[in-house]
All heavy atoms as atom14 arrays in JSON, in Angstrom:
{
  "sequence": "SGKYDEIEITTENEQGIDEIVTRKNNNNSEQVIRLIKSKNFRFITIKL",
  "atom14_mask": [
    [1, 1, 1, 1, 1, 1, 0, 0, 0, 0, 0, 0, 0, 0],
    [1, 1, 1, 1, 0, 0, 0, 0, 0, 0, 0, 0, 0, 0],
    [1, 1, 1, 1, 1, 1, 1, 1, 1, 0, 0, 0, 0, 0],
    [1, 1, 1, 1, 1, 1, 1, 1, 1, 1, 1, 1, 0, 0],
    [1, 1, 1, 1, 1, 1, 1, 1, 0, 0, 0, 0, 0, 0],
    [1, 1, 1, 1, 1, 1, 1, 1, 1, 0, 0, 0, 0, 0],
    [1, 1, 1, 1, 1, 1, 1, 1, 0, 0, 0, 0, 0, 0],
    [1, 1, 1, 1, 1, 1, 1, 1, 1, 0, 0, 0, 0, 0],
    [1, 1, 1, 1, 1, 1, 1, 1, 0, 0, 0, 0, 0, 0],
    [1, 1, 1, 1, 1, 1, 1, 0, 0, 0, 0, 0, 0, 0],
    [1, 1, 1, 1, 1, 1, 1, 0, 0, 0, 0, 0, 0, 0],
    [1, 1, 1, 1, 1, 1, 1, 1, 1, 0, 0, 0, 0, 0],
    [1, 1, 1, 1, 1, 1, 1, 1, 0, 0, 0, 0, 0, 0],
    [1, 1, 1, 1, 1, 1, 1, 1, 1, 0, 0, 0, 0, 0],
    [1, 1, 1, 1, 1, 1, 1, 1, 1, 0, 0, 0, 0, 0],
    [1, 1, 1, 1, 0, 0, 0, 0, 0, 0, 0, 0, 0, 0],
    [1, 1, 1, 1, 1, 1, 1, 1, 0, 0, 0, 0, 0, 0],
    [1, 1, 1, 1, 1, 1, 1, 1, 0, 0, 0, 0, 0, 0],
    [1, 1, 1, 1, 1, 1, 1, 1, 1, 0, 0, 0, 0, 0],
    [1, 1, 1, 1, 1, 1, 1, 1, 0, 0, 0, 0, 0, 0],
    [1, 1, 1, 1, 1, 1, 1, 0, 0, 0, 0, 0, 0, 0],
    [1, 1, 1, 1, 1, 1, 1, 0, 0, 0, 0, 0, 0, 0],
    [1, 1, 1, 1, 1, 1, 1, 1, 1, 1, 1, 0, 0, 0],
    [1, 1, 1, 1, 1, 1, 1, 1, 1, 0, 0, 0, 0, 0],
    [1, 1, 1, 1, 1, 1, 1, 1, 0, 0, 0, 0, 0, 0],
    [1, 1, 1, 1, 1, 1, 1, 1, 0, 0, 0, 0, 0, 0],
    [1, 1, 1, 1, 1, 1, 1, 1, 0, 0, 0, 0, 0, 0],
    [1, 1, 1, 1, 1, 1, 1, 1, 0, 0, 0, 0, 0, 0],
    [1, 1, 1, 1, 1, 1, 0, 0, 0, 0, 0, 0, 0, 0],
    [1, 1, 1, 1, 1, 1, 1, 1, 1, 0, 0, 0, 0, 0],
    [1, 1, 1, 1, 1, 1, 1, 1, 1, 0, 0, 0, 0, 0],
    [1, 1, 1, 1, 1, 1, 1, 0, 0, 0, 0, 0, 0, 0],
    [1, 1, 1, 1, 1, 1, 1, 1, 0, 0, 0, 0, 0, 0],
    [1, 1, 1, 1, 1, 1, 1, 1, 1, 1, 1, 0, 0, 0],
    [1, 1, 1, 1, 1, 1, 1, 1, 0, 0, 0, 0, 0, 0],
    [1, 1, 1, 1, 1, 1, 1, 1, 0, 0, 0, 0, 0, 0],
    [1, 1, 1, 1, 1, 1, 1, 1, 1, 0, 0, 0, 0, 0],
    [1, 1, 1, 1, 1, 1, 0, 0, 0, 0, 0, 0, 0, 0],
    [1, 1, 1, 1, 1, 1, 1, 1, 1, 0, 0, 0, 0, 0],
    [1, 1, 1, 1, 1, 1, 1, 1, 0, 0, 0, 0, 0, 0],
    [1, 1, 1, 1, 1, 1, 1, 1, 1, 1, 1, 0, 0, 0],
    [1, 1, 1, 1, 1, 1, 1, 1, 1, 1, 1, 0, 0, 0],
    [1, 1, 1, 1, 1, 1, 1, 1, 1, 1, 1, 0, 0, 0],
    [1, 1, 1, 1, 1, 1, 1, 1, 0, 0, 0, 0, 0, 0],
    [1, 1, 1, 1, 1, 1, 1, 0, 0, 0, 0, 0, 0, 0],
    [1, 1, 1, 1, 1, 1, 1, 1, 0, 0, 0, 0, 0, 0],
    [1, 1, 1, 1, 1, 1, 1, 1, 1, 0, 0, 0, 0, 0],
    [1, 1, 1, 1, 1, 1, 1, 1, 0, 0, 0, 0, 0, 0]
  ],
  "atom14_positions": [
    [[-2.74, 13.12, -6.38], [-2.84, 13.6, -7.76], [-3.46, 12.55, -8.68], [-3.92, 12.88, -9.78], [-1.46, 13.99, -8.29], [-0.67, 12.83, -8.53], [0.0, 0.0, 0.0], [0.0, 0.0, 0.0], [0.0, 0.0, 0.0], [0.0, 0.0, 0.0], [0.0, 0.0, 0.0], [0.0, 0.0, 0.0], [0.0, 0.0, 0.0], [0.0, 0.0, 0.0]],
    [[-3.44, 11.27, -8.26], [-4.0, 10.2, -9.07], [-3.16, 9.8, -10.27], [-3.64, 9.09, -11.16], [0.0, 0.0, 0.0], [0.0, 0.0, 0.0], [0.0, 0.0, 0.0], [0.0, 0.0, 0.0], [0.0, 0.0, 0.0], [0.0, 0.0, 0.0], [0.0, 0.0, 0.0], [0.0, 0.0, 0.0], [0.0, 0.0, 0.0], [0.0, 0.0, 0.0]],
    [[-1.9, 10.23, -10.29], [-1.04, 9.96, -11.45], [-0.34, 8.6, -11.33], [0.87, 8.49, -11.46], [0.0, 11.08, -11.6], [-0.59, 12.41, -12.03], [0.51, 13.46, -12.11], [0.01, 14.73, -12.79], [-0.22, 14.55, -14.21], [0.0, 0.0, 0.0], [0.0, 0.0, 0.0], [0.0, 0.0, 0.0], [0.0, 0.0, 0.0], [0.0, 0.0, 0.0]],
    [[-1.11, 7.56, -11.08], [-0.53, 6.23, -10.96], [-1.56, 5.19, -11.41], [-2.76, 5.48, -11.54], [-0.11, 5.96, -9.5], [-1.27, 5.91, -8.53], [-1.89, 4.71, -8.2], [-1.76, 7.08, -7.95], [-2.97, 4.67, -7.33], [-2.83, 7.05, -7.08], [-3.43, 5.84, -6.77], [-4.49, 5.81, -5.91], [0.0, 0.0, 0.0], [0.0, 0.0, 0.0]],
    [[-1.08, 3.98, -11.66], [-1.95, 2.9, -12.11], [-2.23, 1.86, -11.04], [-3.32, 1.29, -10.98], [-1.34, 2.2, -13.34], [-1.37, 3.06, -14.59], [-2.31, 3.87, -14.72], [-0.46, 2.94, -15.43], [0.0, 0.0, 0.0], [0.0, 0.0, 0.0], [0.0, 0.0, 0.0], [0.0, 0.0, 0.0], [0.0, 0.0, 0.0], [0.0, 0.0, 0.0]],
    [[-1.23, 1.6, -10.19], [-1.36, 0.47, -9.27], [-0.52, 0.7, -8.03], [0.53, 1.34, -8.08], [-0.91, -0.8, -10.0], [-1.16, -2.1, -9.26], [-0.77, -3.29, -10.12], [-1.62, -3.73, -10.92], [0.38, -3.75, -10.01], [0.0, 0.0, 0.0], [0.0, 0.0, 0.0], [0.0, 0.0, 0.0], [0.0, 0.0, 0.0], [0.0, 0.0, 0.0]],
    [[-0.99, 0.17, -6.89], [-0.25, 0.25, -5.63], [-0.04, -1.16, -5.1], [-0.98, -1.96, -5.06], [-1.02, 1.07, -4.58], [-1.36, 2.46, -5.1], [-0.22, 1.19, -3.29], [-2.3, 3.23, -4.19], [0.0, 0.0, 0.0], [0.0, 0.0, 0.0], [0.0, 0.0, 0.0], [0.0, 0.0, 0.0], [0.0, 0.0, 0.0], [0.0, 0.0, 0.0]],
    [[1.17, -1.44, -4.66], [1.49, -2.73, -4.03], [1.95, -2.46, -2.6], [2.92, -1.73, -2.38], [2.59, -3.44, -4.81], [2.91, -4.83, -4.28], [4.0, -5.5, -5.1], [3.67, -6.14, -6.12], [5.18, -5.36, -4.73], [0.0, 0.0, 0.0], [0.0, 0.0, 0.0], [0.0, 0.0, 0.0], [0.0, 0.0, 0.0], [0.0, 0.0, 0.0]],
    [[1.23, -3.02, -1.62], [1.51, -2.77, -0.21], [2.05, -4.04, 0.43], [1.41, -5.09, 0.36], [0.24, -2.31, 0.53], [-0.35, -1.07, -0.15], [0.55, -2.03, 2.0], [-1.72, -0.73, 0.34], [0.0, 0.0, 0.0], [0.0, 0.0, 0.0], [0.0, 0.0, 0.0], [0.0, 0.0, 0.0], [0.0, 0.0, 0.0], [0.0, 0.0, 0.0]],
    [[3.23, -3.93, 1.04], [3.85, -5.06, 1.73], [3.78, -4.82, 3.23], [4.29, -3.81, 3.74], [5.32, -5.23, 1.32], [5.4, -5.37, -0.1], [5.93, -6.46, 1.98], [0.0, 0.0, 0.0], [0.0, 0.0, 0.0], [0.0, 0.0, 0.0], [0.0, 0.0, 0.0], [0.0, 0.0, 0.0], [0.0, 0.0, 0.0], [0.0, 0.0, 0.0]],
    [[3.1, -5.73, 3.95], [3.02, -5.67, 5.4], [3.58, -6.97, 5.98], [3.85, -7.92, 5.25], [1.57, -5.48, 5.87], [0.77, -6.56, 5.36], [1.0, -4.17, 5.38], [0.0, 0.0, 0.0], [0.0, 0.0, 0.0], [0.0, 0.0, 0.0], [0.0, 0.0, 0.0], [0.0, 0.0, 0.0], [0.0, 0.0, 0.0], [0.0, 0.0, 0.0]],
    [[3.74, -6.97, 7.29], [4.28, -8.16, 7.96], [3.21, -8.74, 8.87], [2.64, -8.02, 9.7], [5.52, -7.77, 8.77], [6.29, -8.93, 9.36], [7.54, -8.46, 10.08], [7.43, -8.08, 11.26], [8.61, -8.45, 9.45], [0.0, 0.0, 0.0], [0.0, 0.0, 0.0], [0.0, 0.0, 0.0], [0.0, 0.0, 0.0], [0.0, 0.0, 0.0]],
    [[2.9, -10.06, 8.72], [1.87, -10.66, 9.55], [2.44, -11.07, 10.92], [3.61, -10.84, 11.22], [1.22, -11.85, 8.84], [2.2, -12.99, 8.57], [3.26, -13.09, 9.21], [1.85, -13.86, 7.64], [0.0, 0.0, 0.0], [0.0, 0.0, 0.0], [0.0, 0.0, 0.0], [0.0, 0.0, 0.0], [0.0, 0.0, 0.0], [0.0, 0.0, 0.0]],
    [[1.61, -11.71, 11.73], [2.02, -12.05, 13.09], [3.18, -13.04, 13.12], [3.93, -13.11, 14.1], [0.83, -12.62, 13.86], [-0.28, -11.6, 14.1], [-1.46, -12.19, 14.83], [-1.44, -13.44, 15.05], [-2.39, -11.44, 15.16], [0.0, 0.0, 0.0], [0.0, 0.0, 0.0], [0.0, 0.0, 0.0], [0.0, 0.0, 0.0], [0.0, 0.0, 0.0]],
    [[3.33, -13.82, 12.08], [4.43, -14.78, 12.0], [5.7, -14.17, 11.42], [6.71, -14.85, 11.22], [4.01, -16.0, 11.14], [2.98, -16.91, 11.79], [1.59, -16.3, 11.8], [1.18, -15.67, 10.82], [0.87, -16.47, 12.91], [0.0, 0.0, 0.0], [0.0, 0.0, 0.0], [0.0, 0.0, 0.0], [0.0, 0.0, 0.0], [0.0, 0.0, 0.0]],
    [[5.67, -12.86, 11.14], [6.85, -12.2, 10.59], [7.05, -12.44, 9.11], [8.14, -12.22, 8.59], [0.0, 0.0, 0.0], [0.0, 0.0, 0.0], [0.0, 0.0, 0.0], [0.0, 0.0, 0.0], [0.0, 0.0, 0.0], [0.0, 0.0, 0.0], [0.0, 0.0, 0.0], [0.0, 0.0, 0.0], [0.0, 0.0, 0.0], [0.0, 0.0, 0.0]],
    [[5.99, -12.88, 8.42], [6.08, -13.16, 6.98], [5.46, -12.0, 6.21], [4.38, -11.5, 6.57], [5.34, -14.48, 6.64], [5.99, -15.64, 7.41], [5.38, -14.74, 5.14], [5.23, -16.93, 7.29], [0.0, 0.0, 0.0], [0.0, 0.0, 0.0], [0.0, 0.0, 0.0], [0.0, 0.0, 0.0], [0.0, 0.0, 0.0], [0.0, 0.0, 0.0]],
    [[6.13, -11.59, 5.15], [5.61, -10.51, 4.33], [4.34, -10.92, 3.62], [4.23, -12.03, 3.08], [6.64, -10.08, 3.28], [7.75, -9.24, 3.89], [7.65, -8.92, 5.08], [8.71, -8.91, 3.17], [0.0, 0.0, 0.0], [0.0, 0.0, 0.0], [0.0, 0.0, 0.0], [0.0, 0.0, 0.0], [0.0, 0.0, 0.0], [0.0, 0.0, 0.0]],
    [[3.34, -10.02, 3.64], [2.12, -10.21, 2.87], [1.97, -9.02, 1.92], [2.19, -7.87, 2.33], [0.9, -10.3, 3.78], [0.91, -11.55, 4.67], [-0.36, -11.66, 5.52], [-1.08, -10.63, 5.63], [-0.62, -12.74, 6.05], [0.0, 0.0, 0.0], [0.0, 0.0, 0.0], [0.0, 0.0, 0.0], [0.0, 0.0, 0.0], [0.0, 0.0, 0.0]],
    [[1.6, -9.31, 0.69], [1.53, -8.27, -0.34], [0.09, -8.14, -0.84], [-0.56, -9.14, -1.18], [2.48, -8.59, -1.52], [3.93, -8.65, -1.03], [2.33, -7.56, -2.63], [4.92, -9.06, -2.09], [0.0, 0.0, 0.0], [0.0, 0.0, 0.0], [0.0, 0.0, 0.0], [0.0, 0.0, 0.0], [0.0, 0.0, 0.0], [0.0, 0.0, 0.0]],
    [[-0.4, -6.91, -0.86], [-1.74, -6.61, -1.38], [-1.57, -5.64, -2.54], [-0.85, -4.65, -2.42], [-2.64, -5.99, -0.3], [-3.98, -5.59, -0.88], [-2.82, -6.96, 0.86], [0.0, 0.0, 0.0], [0.0, 0.0, 0.0], [0.0, 0.0, 0.0], [0.0, 0.0, 0.0], [0.0, 0.0, 0.0], [0.0, 0.0, 0.0], [0.0, 0.0, 0.0]],
    [[-2.24, -5.93, -3.65], [-2.17, -5.05, -4.82], [-3.51, -4.37, -5.03], [-4.56, -5.02, -4.95], [-1.79, -5.85, -6.08], [-0.52, -6.46, -5.87], [-1.7, -4.94, -7.3], [0.0, 0.0, 0.0], [0.0, 0.0, 0.0], [0.0, 0.0, 0.0], [0.0, 0.0, 0.0], [0.0, 0.0, 0.0], [0.0, 0.0, 0.0], [0.0, 0.0, 0.0]],
    [[-3.48, -3.06, -5.29], [-4.71, -2.3, -5.53], [-4.56, -1.48, -6.8], [-3.53, -0.86, -7.02], [-5.0, -1.35, -4.36], [-5.21, -2.04, -3.03], [-5.5, -1.02, -1.94], [-5.72, -1.65, -0.65], [-6.0, -1.0, 0.47], [-6.1, 0.33, 0.43], [-6.19, -1.63, 1.6], [0.0, 0.0, 0.0], [0.0, 0.0, 0.0], [0.0, 0.0, 0.0]],
    [[-5.61, -1.48, -7.59], [-5.64, -0.6, -8.77], [-6.0, 0.81, -8.32], [-6.45, 1.03, -7.19], [-6.68, -1.1, -9.78], [-6.39, -2.48, -10.36], [-5.16, -2.46, -11.24], [-4.93, -3.82, -11.9], [-3.69, -3.83, -12.73], [0.0, 0.0, 0.0], [0.0, 0.0, 0.0], [0.0, 0.0, 0.0], [0.0, 0.0, 0.0], [0.0, 0.0, 0.0]],
    [[-5.78, 1.79, -9.21], [-6.15, 3.16, -8.91], [-7.66, 3.3, -9.02], [-8.2, 3.56, -10.09], [-5.45, 4.12, -9.89], [-5.77, 5.58, -9.57], [-6.58, 5.88, -8.71], [-5.12, 6.48, -10.28], [0.0, 0.0, 0.0], [0.0, 0.0, 0.0], [0.0, 0.0, 0.0], [0.0, 0.0, 0.0], [0.0, 0.0, 0.0], [0.0, 0.0, 0.0]],
    [[-8.35, 3.11, -7.91], [-9.82, 3.18, -7.92], [-10.34, 4.03, -6.76], [-11.27, 3.67, -6.05], [-10.43, 1.77, -7.86], [-10.0, 1.02, -6.61], [-9.18, 1.51, -5.85], [-10.57, -0.15, -6.4], [0.0, 0.0, 0.0], [0.0, 0.0, 0.0], [0.0, 0.0, 0.0], [0.0, 0.0, 0.0], [0.0, 0.0, 0.0], [0.0, 0.0, 0.0]],
    [[-9.68, 5.16, -6.58], [-10.1, 6.15, -5.58], [-10.01, 5.65, -4.14], [-10.77, 6.09, -3.28], [-11.55, 6.63, -5.87], [-11.66, 7.31, -7.22], [-10.78, 8.06, -7.6], [-12.73, 7.04, -7.93], [0.0, 0.0, 0.0], [0.0, 0.0, 0.0], [0.0, 0.0, 0.0], [0.0, 0.0, 0.0], [0.0, 0.0, 0.0], [0.0, 0.0, 0.0]],
    [[-9.1, 4.71, -3.86], [-8.91, 4.25, -2.48], [-7.63, 4.81, -1.89], [-7.09, 4.28, -0.92], [-8.9, 2.73, -2.4], [-7.78, 2.12, -3.23], [-6.91, 2.83, -3.72], [-7.81, 0.81, -3.4], [0.0, 0.0, 0.0], [0.0, 0.0, 0.0], [0.0, 0.0, 0.0], [0.0, 0.0, 0.0], [0.0, 0.0, 0.0], [0.0, 0.0, 0.0]],
    [[-7.11, 5.89, -2.47], [-5.82, 6.42, -2.04], [-5.85, 6.93, -0.6], [-4.83, 6.89, 0.09], [-5.36, 7.54, -2.98], [-6.27, 8.61, -2.97], [0.0, 0.0, 0.0], [0.0, 0.0, 0.0], [0.0, 0.0, 0.0], [0.0, 0.0, 0.0], [0.0, 0.0, 0.0], [0.0, 0.0, 0.0], [0.0, 0.0, 0.0], [0.0, 0.0, 0.0]],
    [[-7.01, 7.41, -0.1], [-7.06, 7.92, 1.26], [-6.77, 6.82, 2.28], [-6.17, 7.07, 3.32], [-8.42, 8.56, 1.54], [-8.65, 9.87, 0.79], [-7.6, 10.93, 1.09], [-7.31, 11.18, 2.28], [-7.04, 11.49, 0.13], [0.0, 0.0, 0.0], [0.0, 0.0, 0.0], [0.0, 0.0, 0.0], [0.0, 0.0, 0.0], [0.0, 0.0, 0.0]],
    [[-7.18, 5.58, 1.99], [-6.87, 4.46, 2.88], [-5.36, 4.23, 2.93], [-4.78, 3.98, 3.99], [-7.57, 3.19, 2.39], [-9.08, 3.27, 2.39], [-9.72, 2.06, 1.73], [-9.05, 1.07, 1.48], [-11.01, 2.15, 1.46], [0.0, 0.0, 0.0], [0.0, 0.0, 0.0], [0.0, 0.0, 0.0], [0.0, 0.0, 0.0], [0.0, 0.0, 0.0]],
    [[-4.71, 4.32, 1.78], [-3.27, 4.12, 1.71], [-2.55, 5.26, 2.43], [-1.55, 5.04, 3.12], [-2.8, 4.01, 0.25], [-1.3, 3.77, 0.17], [-3.55, 2.9, -0.48], [0.0, 0.0, 0.0], [0.0, 0.0, 0.0], [0.0, 0.0, 0.0], [0.0, 0.0, 0.0], [0.0, 0.0, 0.0], [0.0, 0.0, 0.0], [0.0, 0.0, 0.0]],
    [[-3.05, 6.48, 2.29], [-2.43, 7.63, 2.97], [-2.51, 7.47, 4.48], [-1.55, 7.79, 5.2], [-3.08, 8.94, 2.49], [-2.69, 9.22, 1.03], [-2.68, 10.11, 3.39], [-3.47, 10.32, 0.37], [0.0, 0.0, 0.0], [0.0, 0.0, 0.0], [0.0, 0.0, 0.0], [0.0, 0.0, 0.0], [0.0, 0.0, 0.0], [0.0, 0.0, 0.0]],
    [[-3.63, 6.97, 4.98], [-3.73, 6.71, 6.42], [-2.7, 5.68, 6.85], [-2.09, 5.78, 7.93], [-5.15, 6.23, 6.78], [-6.2, 7.33, 6.74], [-7.47, 6.92, 7.46], [-8.13, 5.8, 6.81], [-9.03, 5.94, 5.84], [-9.37, 7.16, 5.42], [-9.6, 4.89, 5.29], [0.0, 0.0, 0.0], [0.0, 0.0, 0.0], [0.0, 0.0, 0.0]],
    [[-2.47, 4.68, 6.0], [-1.47, 3.65, 6.29], [-0.07, 4.26, 6.31], [0.75, 3.94, 7.18], [-1.55, 2.55, 5.23], [-0.73, 1.28, 5.45], [-1.21, 0.55, 6.71], [-0.82, 0.36, 4.24], [0.0, 0.0, 0.0], [0.0, 0.0, 0.0], [0.0, 0.0, 0.0], [0.0, 0.0, 0.0], [0.0, 0.0, 0.0], [0.0, 0.0, 0.0]],
    [[0.2, 5.17, 5.37], [1.51, 5.84, 5.32], [1.75, 6.61, 6.62], [2.83, 6.55, 7.21], [1.57, 6.79, 4.11], [1.71, 5.97, 2.81], [2.72, 7.77, 4.24], [1.63, 6.8, 1.56], [0.0, 0.0, 0.0], [0.0, 0.0, 0.0], [0.0, 0.0, 0.0], [0.0, 0.0, 0.0], [0.0, 0.0, 0.0], [0.0, 0.0, 0.0]],
    [[0.74, 7.32, 7.08], [0.9, 8.13, 8.29], [1.1, 7.26, 9.54], [1.79, 7.65, 10.48], [-0.3, 9.05, 8.46], [-0.38, 10.15, 7.41], [-1.57, 11.06, 7.63], [-1.59, 12.18, 6.6], [-2.74, 13.09, 6.8], [0.0, 0.0, 0.0], [0.0, 0.0, 0.0], [0.0, 0.0, 0.0], [0.0, 0.0, 0.0], [0.0, 0.0, 0.0]],
    [[0.49, 6.06, 9.52], [0.64, 5.15, 10.66], [1.98, 4.44, 10.65], [2.4, 3.9, 11.68], [-0.47, 4.11, 10.64], [-0.25, 3.14, 9.61], [0.0, 0.0, 0.0], [0.0, 0.0, 0.0], [0.0, 0.0, 0.0], [0.0, 0.0, 0.0], [0.0, 0.0, 0.0], [0.0, 0.0, 0.0], [0.0, 0.0, 0.0], [0.0, 0.0, 0.0]],
    [[2.66, 4.41, 9.49], [3.93, 3.71, 9.3], [3.79, 2.2, 9.5], [4.79, 1.5, 9.69], [5.01, 4.25, 10.26], [5.32, 5.73, 10.1], [6.05, 5.99, 8.79], [6.63, 7.4, 8.73], [5.62, 8.46, 8.75], [0.0, 0.0, 0.0], [0.0, 0.0, 0.0], [0.0, 0.0, 0.0], [0.0, 0.0, 0.0], [0.0, 0.0, 0.0]],
    [[2.57, 1.68, 9.44], [2.32, 0.27, 9.7], [2.42, -0.56, 8.42], [1.47, -1.21, 8.0], [0.95, 0.1, 10.37], [0.77, -1.3, 10.93], [1.75, -1.96, 11.27], [-0.47, -1.74, 11.02], [0.0, 0.0, 0.0], [0.0, 0.0, 0.0], [0.0, 0.0, 0.0], [0.0, 0.0, 0.0], [0.0, 0.0, 0.0], [0.0, 0.0, 0.0]],
    [[3.57, -0.51, 7.78], [3.81, -1.26, 6.56], [5.31, -1.39, 6.37], [6.1, -0.73, 7.06], [3.18, -0.56, 5.35], [3.8, 0.78, 5.05], [4.82, 0.91, 4.13], [3.39, 1.92, 5.72], [5.42, 2.14, 3.87], [3.98, 3.16, 5.47], [5.0, 3.26, 4.55], [0.0, 0.0, 0.0], [0.0, 0.0, 0.0], [0.0, 0.0, 0.0]],
    [[5.72, -2.24, 5.46], [7.15, -2.36, 5.16], [7.52, -1.6, 3.89], [8.46, -0.84, 3.87], [7.53, -3.85, 5.04], [7.6, -4.53, 6.39], [7.88, -6.02, 6.28], [9.07, -6.34, 5.53], [10.32, -6.17, 5.97], [10.53, -5.65, 7.17], [11.36, -6.51, 5.24], [0.0, 0.0, 0.0], [0.0, 0.0, 0.0], [0.0, 0.0, 0.0]],
    [[6.73, -1.82, 2.85], [6.97, -1.1, 1.59], [5.63, -0.75, 0.95], [4.66, -1.5, 1.06], [7.76, -1.96, 0.57], [9.13, -2.35, 1.01], [9.36, -3.6, 1.57], [10.21, -1.49, 0.87], [10.62, -3.98, 1.97], [11.47, -1.85, 1.27], [11.68, -3.1, 1.83], [0.0, 0.0, 0.0], [0.0, 0.0, 0.0], [0.0, 0.0, 0.0]],
    [[5.6, 0.39, 0.3], [4.5, 0.73, -0.61], [5.13, 1.05, -1.96], [5.94, 1.98, -2.06], [3.66, 1.92, -0.11], [2.88, 1.51, 1.15], [2.71, 2.42, -1.19], [2.05, 2.63, 1.74], [0.0, 0.0, 0.0], [0.0, 0.0, 0.0], [0.0, 0.0, 0.0], [0.0, 0.0, 0.0], [0.0, 0.0, 0.0], [0.0, 0.0, 0.0]],
    [[4.79, 0.27, -2.96], [5.35, 0.47, -4.3], [4.23, 0.94, -5.21], [3.18, 0.29, -5.31], [5.96, -0.83, -4.85], [7.01, -1.25, -3.97], [6.54, -0.61, -6.24], [0.0, 0.0, 0.0], [0.0, 0.0, 0.0], [0.0, 0.0, 0.0], [0.0, 0.0, 0.0], [0.0, 0.0, 0.0], [0.0, 0.0, 0.0], [0.0, 0.0, 0.0]],
    [[4.45, 2.06, -5.87], [3.44, 2.67, -6.73], [3.92, 2.62, -8.17], [5.02, 3.08, -8.48], [3.17, 4.13, -6.31], [2.82, 4.19, -4.81], [2.04, 4.73, -7.15], [2.75, 5.6, -4.27], [0.0, 0.0, 0.0], [0.0, 0.0, 0.0], [0.0, 0.0, 0.0], [0.0, 0.0, 0.0], [0.0, 0.0, 0.0], [0.0, 0.0, 0.0]],
    [[3.09, 2.03, -9.02], [3.41, 1.98, -10.45], [2.83, 3.22, -11.12], [1.61, 3.41, -11.14], [2.84, 0.72, -11.11], [3.2, 0.6, -12.6], [2.52, -0.6, -13.25], [3.09, -1.9, -12.71], [2.47, -3.06, -13.41], [0.0, 0.0, 0.0], [0.0, 0.0, 0.0], [0.0, 0.0, 0.0], [0.0, 0.0, 0.0], [0.0, 0.0, 0.0]],
    [[3.72, 4.08, -11.65], [3.27, 5.32, -12.26], [2.72, 5.06, -13.66], [2.89, 3.97, -14.22], [4.43, 6.32, -12.33], [4.76, 7.09, -11.05], [5.17, 6.15, -9.93], [5.83, 8.12, -11.29], [0.0, 0.0, 0.0], [0.0, 0.0, 0.0], [0.0, 0.0, 0.0], [0.0, 0.0, 0.0], [0.0, 0.0, 0.0], [0.0, 0.0, 0.0]]
  ]
}
């Protein structure tokens, strides 16, 4: 729906340390949706 401003994605690297990537709402939501379906992340936080 695009009703958000920012996405913060937390993943775990090979050393077991959390890595955080922040993305603005710039039409890259399909990449995040693929990540959601793969479950290959720890947290996705969306700022509405």
